[in-house]
Protein backbone atom coordinates (compact mmCIF):
# COMPACT_ATOMS: atom_id res chain seq x y z
CA MET A 1 188.71 111.09 169.04
CA ASN A 2 188.89 112.90 166.02
CA ASP A 3 191.38 110.42 164.07
CA THR A 4 189.19 107.73 164.63
CA PRO A 5 187.87 105.27 162.21
CA HIS A 6 183.53 105.49 162.45
CA LEU A 7 181.84 102.77 162.96
CA PRO A 8 178.83 102.78 161.28
CA PRO A 9 175.65 100.97 163.52
CA ALA A 10 175.49 96.82 163.26
CA LEU A 11 173.05 95.20 165.57
CA ALA A 12 174.75 92.15 166.46
CA THR A 13 177.95 89.90 164.93
CA GLY A 14 179.71 87.00 166.62
CA ILE A 15 183.11 87.06 168.50
CA GLY A 16 185.11 84.55 165.93
CA SER A 17 185.37 80.56 166.95
CA LEU A 18 182.98 78.08 166.27
CA PRO A 19 182.05 74.20 166.89
CA GLY A 20 182.97 71.54 164.31
CA THR A 21 185.83 71.53 161.26
CA ASP A 22 183.82 72.15 158.52
CA ALA A 23 184.46 75.16 157.13
CA ARG A 24 181.47 75.34 154.26
CA GLU A 25 178.96 74.83 157.28
CA ALA A 26 181.04 77.59 159.66
CA ALA A 27 181.10 80.46 156.98
CA LYS A 28 177.68 79.45 156.12
CA ALA A 29 176.37 80.56 160.00
CA ALA A 30 178.26 83.32 160.04
CA THR A 31 177.28 85.32 156.96
CA GLY A 32 173.44 83.50 157.37
CA SER A 33 173.29 84.73 160.70
CA PHE A 34 174.11 88.04 160.74
CA GLU A 35 173.13 89.35 157.16
CA ASP A 36 174.70 92.54 158.02
CA PHE A 37 177.89 91.65 160.02
CA PRO A 38 178.66 88.46 158.68
CA HIS A 39 182.55 87.31 160.12
CA LEU A 40 184.93 84.79 159.51
CA PRO A 41 184.91 81.71 161.21
CA GLU A 42 187.47 80.10 163.47
CA LEU A 43 187.33 76.45 163.81
CA PRO A 44 189.98 75.67 166.46
CA ALA A 45 188.63 71.95 166.79
CA ARG A 46 190.74 71.50 163.65
CA GLY A 47 193.73 71.07 165.74
CA PRO A 48 196.89 72.85 165.94
CA GLY A 49 197.26 76.08 163.89
CA ALA A 50 193.22 76.31 164.10
CA ASP A 51 194.04 77.68 167.03
CA MET A 52 193.84 81.04 168.05
CA ILE A 53 197.61 81.77 169.52
CA GLY A 54 199.02 79.27 165.73
CA ARG A 55 196.23 80.68 163.60
CA THR A 56 197.41 84.22 163.64
CA ALA A 57 201.71 82.61 164.36
CA GLY A 58 200.36 81.49 160.46
CA LEU A 59 199.68 85.23 159.33
CA LEU A 60 203.72 86.26 161.22
CA VAL A 61 205.65 88.00 158.35
CA GLU A 62 209.57 86.78 158.84
CA LEU A 63 208.67 85.35 161.63
CA TYR A 64 207.85 81.36 162.26
CA ALA A 65 206.33 79.38 165.22
CA ARG A 66 206.33 75.48 165.90
CA VAL A 67 204.72 73.76 168.09
CA GLU A 68 206.32 72.60 171.11
CA PRO A 69 204.73 70.30 174.10
CA SER A 70 204.39 73.56 176.48
CA GLY A 71 203.32 75.63 173.62
CA TRP A 72 203.67 77.25 170.68
CA ARG A 73 207.22 78.21 170.18
CA ILE A 74 209.02 81.12 167.55
CA GLY A 75 211.47 78.73 165.55
CA ASP A 76 213.87 80.02 162.37
CA ARG A 77 211.85 78.64 159.48
CA PRO A 78 208.14 78.10 157.83
CA GLY A 79 207.46 74.28 159.14
CA ARG A 80 204.86 72.16 159.11
CA ASP A 81 202.83 73.86 161.65
CA THR A 82 203.15 77.48 159.78
CA ARG A 83 202.09 75.52 157.15
CA ARG A 84 199.21 74.00 158.35
CA ALA A 85 197.85 77.34 160.07
CA ARG A 86 197.69 79.35 156.69
CA SER A 87 196.54 76.62 155.01
CA TRP A 88 193.76 76.07 157.52
CA LEU A 89 193.52 80.13 156.47
CA GLY A 90 192.81 79.51 153.01
CA GLU A 91 190.16 77.10 153.25
CA ASP A 92 188.25 79.39 155.62
CA LEU A 93 189.12 82.06 153.24
CA ASP A 94 187.97 80.09 150.48
CA ALA A 95 184.88 79.59 152.38
CA LEU A 96 183.99 83.03 153.35
CA GLU A 97 184.18 83.76 149.39
CA GLU A 98 181.60 81.58 148.61
CA PHE A 99 179.38 82.58 150.50
CA THR A 100 180.07 86.49 150.52
CA GLN A 101 179.39 87.08 146.62
CA GLY A 102 177.90 90.25 146.02
CA TYR A 103 177.83 91.74 150.04
CA GLU A 104 178.18 94.87 150.41
CA GLY A 105 178.77 95.71 154.10
CA LEU A 106 180.32 94.90 156.99
CA LEU A 107 183.02 92.39 157.57
CA LYS A 108 185.01 91.23 160.61
CA VAL A 109 188.00 89.62 160.77
CA GLN A 110 189.99 88.51 164.46
CA ALA A 111 193.73 87.94 165.20
CA VAL A 112 195.18 87.66 168.54
CA GLY A 113 196.53 91.26 168.84
CA PRO A 114 200.20 92.21 169.79
CA TRP A 115 200.32 91.76 173.90
CA THR A 116 198.09 88.66 173.63
CA LEU A 117 200.46 87.17 171.50
CA ALA A 118 203.65 87.87 173.08
CA ALA A 119 202.38 86.60 176.23
CA ALA A 120 201.54 83.37 174.52
CA LEU A 121 204.87 82.88 172.22
CA GLU A 122 207.10 81.36 173.65
CA LEU A 123 211.08 82.37 172.89
CA LYS A 124 213.90 79.77 172.17
CA ASN A 125 214.95 79.46 175.37
CA GLY A 126 211.02 78.43 176.76
CA GLU A 127 210.66 81.95 178.16
CA ALA A 128 206.82 84.07 177.06
CA ALA A 129 208.57 86.95 174.11
CA LEU A 130 206.80 89.02 176.81
CA SER A 131 210.53 88.60 178.89
CA ASP A 132 212.07 90.68 176.12
CA LEU A 133 210.73 94.20 175.24
CA GLY A 134 212.81 93.76 171.71
CA ALA A 135 211.39 90.93 171.00
CA SER A 136 208.06 91.70 171.24
CA ARG A 137 208.37 94.74 169.56
CA ASP A 138 209.69 92.58 166.95
CA LEU A 139 206.70 90.51 166.92
CA ALA A 140 204.52 93.33 166.90
CA ALA A 141 205.82 94.72 163.97
CA SER A 142 205.99 91.13 162.41
CA LEU A 143 201.97 90.95 163.06
CA ALA A 144 201.44 93.55 161.92
CA GLU A 145 202.90 93.36 158.44
CA GLY A 146 200.51 90.41 158.33
CA LEU A 147 197.94 91.84 158.87
CA ARG A 148 198.42 94.72 156.27
CA GLN A 149 198.93 91.14 154.35
CA HIS A 150 195.54 89.52 155.89
CA LEU A 151 193.01 92.60 155.21
CA GLU A 152 194.59 93.24 150.95
CA GLU A 153 193.53 89.21 150.50
CA VAL A 154 189.97 89.45 152.54
CA ARG A 155 189.56 92.61 149.95
CA ARG A 156 190.30 91.31 147.12
CA ARG A 157 188.38 88.09 147.81
CA VAL A 158 185.26 89.94 149.35
CA PRO A 159 185.23 93.62 147.76
CA GLY A 160 182.13 95.10 148.38
CA ALA A 161 183.21 94.49 152.28
CA ARG A 162 183.89 97.07 154.74
CA LEU A 163 186.45 95.36 156.77
CA VAL A 164 186.43 95.72 160.24
CA LEU A 165 189.53 94.33 162.17
CA GLN A 166 188.67 92.50 165.63
CA LEU A 167 192.30 92.25 167.90
CA ASP A 168 191.60 89.24 170.68
CA GLU A 169 193.25 91.07 173.66
CA PRO A 170 192.44 88.14 176.31
CA SER A 171 195.98 88.49 178.59
CA LEU A 172 196.00 92.06 178.24
CA THR A 173 194.69 92.80 181.84
CA ALA A 174 197.56 90.31 183.29
CA VAL A 175 200.03 92.26 180.41
CA LEU A 176 199.06 95.10 182.87
CA ARG A 177 199.12 93.70 185.98
CA GLY A 178 202.16 91.91 185.96
CA GLN A 179 200.40 88.20 186.26
CA VAL A 180 202.07 86.41 182.91
CA ARG A 181 203.43 83.60 184.53
CA THR A 182 207.15 82.91 183.61
CA ALA A 183 207.49 79.28 181.87
CA SER A 184 208.73 77.37 185.61
CA GLY A 185 204.95 78.75 187.07
CA TYR A 186 206.48 80.28 190.22
CA ARG A 187 207.28 83.81 188.69
CA THR A 188 205.43 86.42 186.62
CA HIS A 189 206.52 88.23 183.84
CA ARG A 190 207.07 92.24 184.84
CA ALA A 191 204.38 94.35 183.60
CA VAL A 192 204.65 96.01 181.61
CA ASP A 193 204.50 99.95 181.03
CA ARG A 194 201.08 101.55 179.92
CA GLN A 195 202.71 104.09 177.61
CA THR A 196 204.33 100.80 175.82
CA VAL A 197 201.06 98.95 176.00
CA GLU A 198 199.32 101.32 174.38
CA ALA A 199 202.02 103.05 172.05
CA THR A 200 202.76 98.71 170.42
CA LEU A 201 198.84 98.43 170.36
CA ARG A 202 198.49 102.26 168.55
CA ASP A 203 200.89 100.63 165.81
CA VAL A 204 199.04 97.65 165.36
CA VAL A 205 195.45 99.42 164.72
CA GLY A 206 197.46 101.75 162.68
CA VAL A 207 197.87 98.90 159.86
CA HIS A 208 193.68 99.19 158.98
CA ASP A 209 194.13 102.48 157.67
CA GLY A 210 191.27 104.12 157.39
CA GLY A 211 189.31 101.18 158.62
CA PRO A 212 187.29 100.08 162.35
CA VAL A 213 189.61 97.63 164.56
CA VAL A 214 187.55 96.03 167.62
CA VAL A 215 189.43 94.94 170.31
CA HIS A 216 188.10 92.14 172.14
CA SER A 217 188.54 90.66 175.49
CA CYS A 218 186.52 88.69 178.02
CA ALA A 219 188.83 88.89 180.66
CA PRO A 220 187.76 90.77 183.64
CA ASP A 221 188.69 94.49 184.00
CA VAL A 222 189.41 95.56 180.27
CA PRO A 223 191.46 98.73 179.94
CA PHE A 224 188.61 100.76 178.41
CA ALA A 225 190.04 103.59 178.70
CA LEU A 226 193.39 102.53 177.30
CA LEU A 227 191.98 101.34 174.34
CA ARG A 228 190.76 104.45 173.36
CA ARG A 229 193.73 106.06 173.85
CA ALA A 230 194.82 103.82 171.45
CA GLY A 231 192.51 104.58 168.97
CA VAL A 232 190.06 101.12 168.67
CA ALA A 233 186.97 102.27 167.29
CA GLY A 234 185.01 99.33 169.37
CA ILE A 235 185.67 97.18 172.55
CA SER A 236 184.15 94.06 172.55
CA PHE A 237 183.80 92.63 176.45
CA ASP A 238 181.92 89.84 178.47
CA PHE A 239 179.30 92.17 180.22
CA SER A 240 178.52 89.72 182.97
CA LEU A 241 181.63 91.23 183.76
CA LEU A 242 181.57 95.06 184.08
CA THR A 243 180.60 95.93 187.23
CA GLU A 244 179.93 99.75 189.00
CA ARG A 245 183.15 100.77 188.67
CA ASP A 246 183.41 100.69 185.53
CA ASP A 247 180.05 102.96 184.73
CA GLU A 248 182.63 105.96 183.86
CA VAL A 249 184.53 104.38 181.65
CA ILE A 250 181.71 103.34 179.71
CA GLY A 251 180.18 106.79 179.72
CA GLU A 252 183.26 108.37 178.64
CA ALA A 253 183.98 105.62 175.65
CA VAL A 254 179.96 106.11 174.72
CA GLU A 255 180.20 110.02 174.53
CA GLY A 256 183.41 109.41 172.83
CA GLY A 257 181.71 107.20 169.90
CA THR A 258 183.72 104.10 170.65
CA ARG A 259 180.76 101.44 169.68
CA LEU A 260 180.84 98.23 172.59
CA PHE A 261 180.56 95.19 172.02
CA ALA A 262 178.48 93.46 174.45
CA GLY A 263 179.07 89.88 175.13
CA VAL A 264 174.99 89.23 176.18
CA VAL A 265 175.07 86.24 175.63
CA PRO A 266 176.78 82.54 177.40
CA GLY A 267 179.33 81.39 175.06
CA THR A 268 178.86 77.77 175.78
CA ASP A 269 175.99 75.72 176.50
CA ALA A 270 173.11 77.12 178.70
CA PRO A 271 169.67 78.44 178.99
CA LEU A 272 168.42 81.14 176.43
CA SER A 273 166.06 83.70 178.14
CA ASP A 274 163.78 85.64 175.87
CA PRO A 275 165.92 87.55 174.25
CA ALA A 276 164.73 91.42 175.06
CA GLY A 277 165.83 89.80 178.72
CA SER A 278 169.34 89.45 177.47
CA VAL A 279 169.59 92.80 177.31
CA MET A 280 168.33 94.04 180.45
CA GLY A 281 171.28 94.79 181.63
CA VAL A 282 171.99 96.84 179.17
CA ARG A 283 169.10 99.15 178.96
CA THR A 284 169.74 99.25 183.65
CA LEU A 285 173.43 100.86 182.52
CA TRP A 286 171.89 102.98 179.84
CA ARG A 287 169.35 104.66 182.34
CA ARG A 288 172.38 104.36 185.48
CA LEU A 289 174.81 106.28 182.78
CA GLY A 290 171.20 108.73 182.35
CA LEU A 291 172.43 108.16 178.60
CA ARG A 292 169.68 108.92 175.81
CA PRO A 293 168.23 105.42 175.05
CA GLY A 294 167.73 106.53 171.58
CA LEU A 295 172.02 106.55 171.56
CA LEU A 296 171.50 102.60 172.19
CA PRO A 297 171.02 101.01 168.64
CA GLU A 298 173.81 103.54 167.62
CA ALA A 299 176.65 102.54 170.03
CA VAL A 300 175.74 99.19 170.97
CA THR A 301 176.19 95.90 168.97
CA VAL A 302 175.48 92.13 170.44
CA THR A 303 177.48 89.85 171.07
CA PRO A 304 178.06 86.37 172.60
CA ALA A 305 179.61 86.87 175.41
CA CYS A 306 182.79 85.06 173.82
CA GLY A 307 184.12 82.51 171.33
CA LEU A 308 181.84 79.37 170.77
CA ALA A 309 184.05 76.92 170.33
CA GLY A 310 183.40 75.06 173.59
CA ALA A 311 179.80 75.28 172.79
CA SER A 312 177.80 72.49 170.90
CA PRO A 313 176.72 72.90 166.62
CA GLY A 314 173.08 73.33 167.98
CA TYR A 315 173.22 76.18 170.77
CA ALA A 316 175.91 77.84 168.29
CA ARG A 317 173.47 78.36 165.94
CA SER A 318 170.94 79.47 168.78
CA ALA A 319 172.70 81.59 170.16
CA TYR A 320 173.66 83.17 166.73
CA ALA A 321 170.01 83.67 166.64
CA HIS A 322 169.21 84.93 169.77
CA CYS A 323 172.39 87.57 169.50
CA VAL A 324 170.33 88.35 166.53
CA ARG A 325 166.59 89.01 167.86
CA ALA A 326 167.97 90.36 171.28
CA ALA A 327 169.86 93.30 169.40
CA ARG A 328 166.38 94.47 167.46
CA SER A 329 164.59 94.06 170.72
CA LEU A 330 167.15 96.72 172.00
CA ALA A 331 166.80 99.27 168.39
CA ASP A 332 162.59 98.30 168.88
CA ASN A 333 162.55 99.29 172.72
CA PRO A 334 165.57 100.95 173.82
CA GLU A 335 164.09 102.32 177.08
């Protein structure tokens, strides 16, 4: 993948969301836990506009969304819900800036990707934007411009950072398979052509000019090959959902230089095994694929399986520390 931006080794990071409502506490946790690869936290417990769809809707350019009983719906003008989403994001950026003074290194920011957004945002008729390819195209273009402006803002606030953009696409597989339900719930929207999905993703990935983009999905059957063709530098997934069917595409991804963000730590409160035990499956996969053990720390970043919004604050802190220790175990003893 010659034209895909390279993602340098980084042992561990978070996915994005955290429990609670305190932006400073969240920024402190994300920057303090991951000294080499912090991320901008998201706090959906604050309410509409802090949830992942509302937060990304607030980034859109010349498109606006408001909360309806059924979810987020595209409207004609910015209203209270758009202002609230932008205000929450501003608060999060203020906190991040405070805790990254003088920081130089990788920094990850997250937004919902174009297809999950099209599956979640409603048109005026109540159906998902996904039901209209023209609307999906307009939404992706608005998102791309909003992301460009957002990345510029983060660069201004944390000038020493090398930004990594994460696109959250939990609905991507459902979009490709025609499994997204219509408003009535009785039918599903038609599957979107794979080439259309890939081309749209490539356009949005391209807004981070020269910078690495990661796509995250904690759904089963992540389309690794399609994402690599779309130009992503890394793929973030729930490691427990992999099957041996995925071996070939995983091996090709690693050999092609795609970084794997392996979600090995549960996203909700659960007993945590010893750190080495958490990455046992990664080592087993490596042996099964016949890959060089020394490649592990270069090819794998350890993360929680999904966002931690549903976890307790104490567990979230423990999960982050556990990711760091598990990644260190992988680097120190890749065999």
